[in-house]
């Protein structure tokens, strides 16, 4: 049986150590929840994906 590894994730380029806190209204929170469930994503992944899409559009 394999034991689950505990402790800090490995450091490196993909390390996610910075945090951003935002305030949202109830409508936005509900939109985030629906998107998370429909896409089976975490809130963090959803936000990163959205930022990447907007950022990519800036170069066009």
N, C-alpha and C. Protein backbone atom coordinates (compact mmCIF):
# COMPACT_ATOMS: atom_id res chain seq x y z
N UNK A 1 0.84 -1.18 0.00
CA UNK A 1 0.00 0.00 0.00
C UNK A 1 0.89 1.24 0.00
N UNK A 2 0.57 2.21 -0.87
CA UNK A 2 1.35 3.42 -0.97
C UNK A 2 0.85 4.46 0.02
N UNK A 3 1.79 5.04 0.77
CA UNK A 3 1.41 6.08 1.72
C UNK A 3 1.40 7.42 1.03
N UNK A 4 0.44 8.25 1.41
CA UNK A 4 0.35 9.60 0.86
C UNK A 4 1.51 10.43 1.40
N UNK A 5 2.17 11.16 0.52
CA UNK A 5 3.29 12.00 0.94
C UNK A 5 2.77 13.23 1.65
N UNK A 6 3.43 13.60 2.70
CA UNK A 6 3.02 14.75 3.49
C UNK A 6 4.10 15.83 3.39
N UNK A 7 3.73 17.04 3.77
CA UNK A 7 4.71 18.12 3.80
C UNK A 7 4.51 19.11 2.68
N UNK A 8 5.48 19.96 2.56
CA UNK A 8 5.41 21.02 1.56
C UNK A 8 5.61 20.47 0.16
N UNK A 9 4.96 21.09 -0.82
CA UNK A 9 5.18 20.66 -2.21
C UNK A 9 6.59 21.05 -2.64
N UNK A 10 7.12 20.38 -3.65
CA UNK A 10 8.46 20.72 -4.11
C UNK A 10 8.51 22.15 -4.63
N UNK A 11 9.61 22.83 -4.35
CA UNK A 11 9.76 24.20 -4.83
C UNK A 11 10.21 24.16 -6.28
N UNK A 12 10.04 25.25 -6.94
CA UNK A 12 10.44 25.32 -8.34
C UNK A 12 9.59 26.33 -9.06
N UNK A 13 9.66 26.29 -10.37
CA UNK A 13 8.98 27.27 -11.19
C UNK A 13 7.46 27.22 -11.01
N UNK A 14 6.91 26.04 -10.81
CA UNK A 14 5.46 25.88 -10.69
C UNK A 14 4.96 26.12 -9.27
N UNK A 15 5.85 26.53 -8.38
CA UNK A 15 5.47 26.77 -6.98
C UNK A 15 4.43 27.89 -6.89
N UNK A 16 3.38 27.64 -6.12
CA UNK A 16 2.31 28.62 -5.95
C UNK A 16 2.35 29.14 -4.52
N UNK A 17 3.20 30.13 -4.26
CA UNK A 17 3.33 30.62 -2.90
C UNK A 17 2.69 31.99 -2.70
N UNK A 18 2.41 32.72 -3.76
CA UNK A 18 1.79 34.03 -3.64
C UNK A 18 0.28 33.90 -3.58
N UNK A 19 -0.33 34.73 -2.75
CA UNK A 19 -1.79 34.71 -2.61
C UNK A 19 -2.36 36.08 -2.91
N UNK A 20 -3.56 36.08 -3.46
CA UNK A 20 -4.30 37.31 -3.73
C UNK A 20 -5.69 37.12 -3.15
N UNK A 21 -6.14 38.08 -2.39
CA UNK A 21 -7.48 38.03 -1.82
C UNK A 21 -8.33 39.10 -2.50
N UNK A 22 -9.56 38.73 -2.89
CA UNK A 22 -10.45 39.69 -3.55
C UNK A 22 -11.81 39.67 -2.86
N UNK A 23 -12.54 40.74 -3.06
CA UNK A 23 -13.91 40.82 -2.57
C UNK A 23 -14.83 40.73 -3.78
N UNK A 24 -15.89 39.95 -3.65
CA UNK A 24 -16.87 39.82 -4.72
C UNK A 24 -18.27 39.91 -4.14
N UNK A 25 -19.21 40.31 -4.99
CA UNK A 25 -20.61 40.33 -4.55
C UNK A 25 -21.19 38.92 -4.69
N UNK A 26 -22.40 38.74 -4.20
CA UNK A 26 -23.02 37.40 -4.22
C UNK A 26 -23.20 36.88 -5.63
N UNK A 27 -23.55 37.76 -6.56
CA UNK A 27 -23.76 37.34 -7.95
C UNK A 27 -22.47 36.79 -8.56
N UNK A 28 -21.36 37.48 -8.34
CA UNK A 28 -20.08 37.01 -8.86
C UNK A 28 -19.67 35.71 -8.20
N UNK A 29 -19.89 35.60 -6.91
CA UNK A 29 -19.56 34.36 -6.19
C UNK A 29 -20.34 33.18 -6.75
N UNK A 30 -21.61 33.41 -7.08
CA UNK A 30 -22.45 32.35 -7.65
C UNK A 30 -21.97 31.98 -9.06
N UNK A 31 -21.54 32.97 -9.84
CA UNK A 31 -21.00 32.69 -11.17
C UNK A 31 -19.75 31.83 -11.07
N UNK A 32 -18.90 32.16 -10.11
CA UNK A 32 -17.68 31.37 -9.90
C UNK A 32 -18.04 29.94 -9.53
N UNK A 33 -18.99 29.77 -8.62
CA UNK A 33 -19.41 28.43 -8.20
C UNK A 33 -19.93 27.61 -9.37
N UNK A 34 -20.80 28.23 -10.20
CA UNK A 34 -21.35 27.51 -11.36
C UNK A 34 -20.26 27.13 -12.35
N UNK A 35 -19.34 28.03 -12.61
CA UNK A 35 -18.24 27.73 -13.53
C UNK A 35 -17.36 26.62 -12.98
N UNK A 36 -17.05 26.68 -11.68
CA UNK A 36 -16.24 25.64 -11.04
C UNK A 36 -16.87 24.27 -11.21
N UNK A 37 -18.16 24.19 -10.94
CA UNK A 37 -18.86 22.91 -11.03
C UNK A 37 -18.95 22.42 -12.46
N UNK A 38 -19.28 23.32 -13.39
CA UNK A 38 -19.43 22.93 -14.79
C UNK A 38 -18.11 22.47 -15.40
N UNK A 39 -17.02 23.12 -15.01
CA UNK A 39 -15.72 22.81 -15.59
C UNK A 39 -14.88 21.89 -14.71
N UNK A 40 -15.42 21.54 -13.54
CA UNK A 40 -14.70 20.68 -12.59
C UNK A 40 -13.31 21.24 -12.29
N UNK A 41 -13.27 22.52 -11.90
CA UNK A 41 -12.02 23.21 -11.62
C UNK A 41 -12.07 23.80 -10.22
N UNK A 42 -10.91 24.06 -9.66
CA UNK A 42 -10.85 24.80 -8.40
C UNK A 42 -11.04 26.28 -8.71
N UNK A 43 -11.36 27.06 -7.70
CA UNK A 43 -11.48 28.50 -7.89
C UNK A 43 -10.16 29.08 -8.39
N UNK A 44 -9.06 28.64 -7.81
CA UNK A 44 -7.75 29.14 -8.22
C UNK A 44 -7.46 28.83 -9.68
N UNK A 45 -7.74 27.59 -10.11
CA UNK A 45 -7.52 27.22 -11.51
C UNK A 45 -8.42 28.02 -12.44
N UNK A 46 -9.65 28.24 -12.02
CA UNK A 46 -10.60 29.01 -12.81
C UNK A 46 -10.10 30.44 -13.01
N UNK A 47 -9.64 31.06 -11.95
CA UNK A 47 -9.14 32.44 -12.03
C UNK A 47 -7.87 32.50 -12.88
N UNK A 48 -6.95 31.56 -12.66
CA UNK A 48 -5.72 31.56 -13.47
C UNK A 48 -6.04 31.38 -14.95
N UNK A 49 -6.99 30.49 -15.26
CA UNK A 49 -7.40 30.27 -16.65
C UNK A 49 -7.97 31.55 -17.26
N UNK A 50 -8.83 32.22 -16.51
CA UNK A 50 -9.42 33.47 -16.99
C UNK A 50 -8.38 34.54 -17.23
N UNK A 51 -7.43 34.66 -16.32
CA UNK A 51 -6.36 35.65 -16.48
C UNK A 51 -5.52 35.32 -17.70
N UNK A 52 -5.19 34.05 -17.90
CA UNK A 52 -4.41 33.64 -19.07
C UNK A 52 -5.14 33.99 -20.36
N UNK A 53 -6.44 33.76 -20.41
CA UNK A 53 -7.22 34.08 -21.62
C UNK A 53 -7.20 35.58 -21.91
N UNK A 54 -7.40 36.39 -20.90
CA UNK A 54 -7.38 37.84 -21.09
C UNK A 54 -5.98 38.30 -21.49
N UNK A 55 -4.97 37.78 -20.84
CA UNK A 55 -3.59 38.15 -21.14
C UNK A 55 -3.24 37.83 -22.59
N UNK A 56 -3.65 36.64 -23.06
CA UNK A 56 -3.38 36.24 -24.44
C UNK A 56 -4.05 37.18 -25.43
N UNK A 57 -5.20 37.72 -25.09
CA UNK A 57 -5.91 38.64 -25.97
C UNK A 57 -5.20 39.99 -26.07
N UNK A 58 -4.42 40.36 -25.07
CA UNK A 58 -3.70 41.64 -25.09
C UNK A 58 -2.67 41.69 -26.20
N UNK A 59 -2.11 40.55 -26.56
CA UNK A 59 -1.06 40.50 -27.59
C UNK A 59 -1.61 40.55 -29.00
N UNK A 60 -2.92 40.44 -29.16
CA UNK A 60 -3.50 40.41 -30.51
C UNK A 60 -3.74 41.79 -31.04
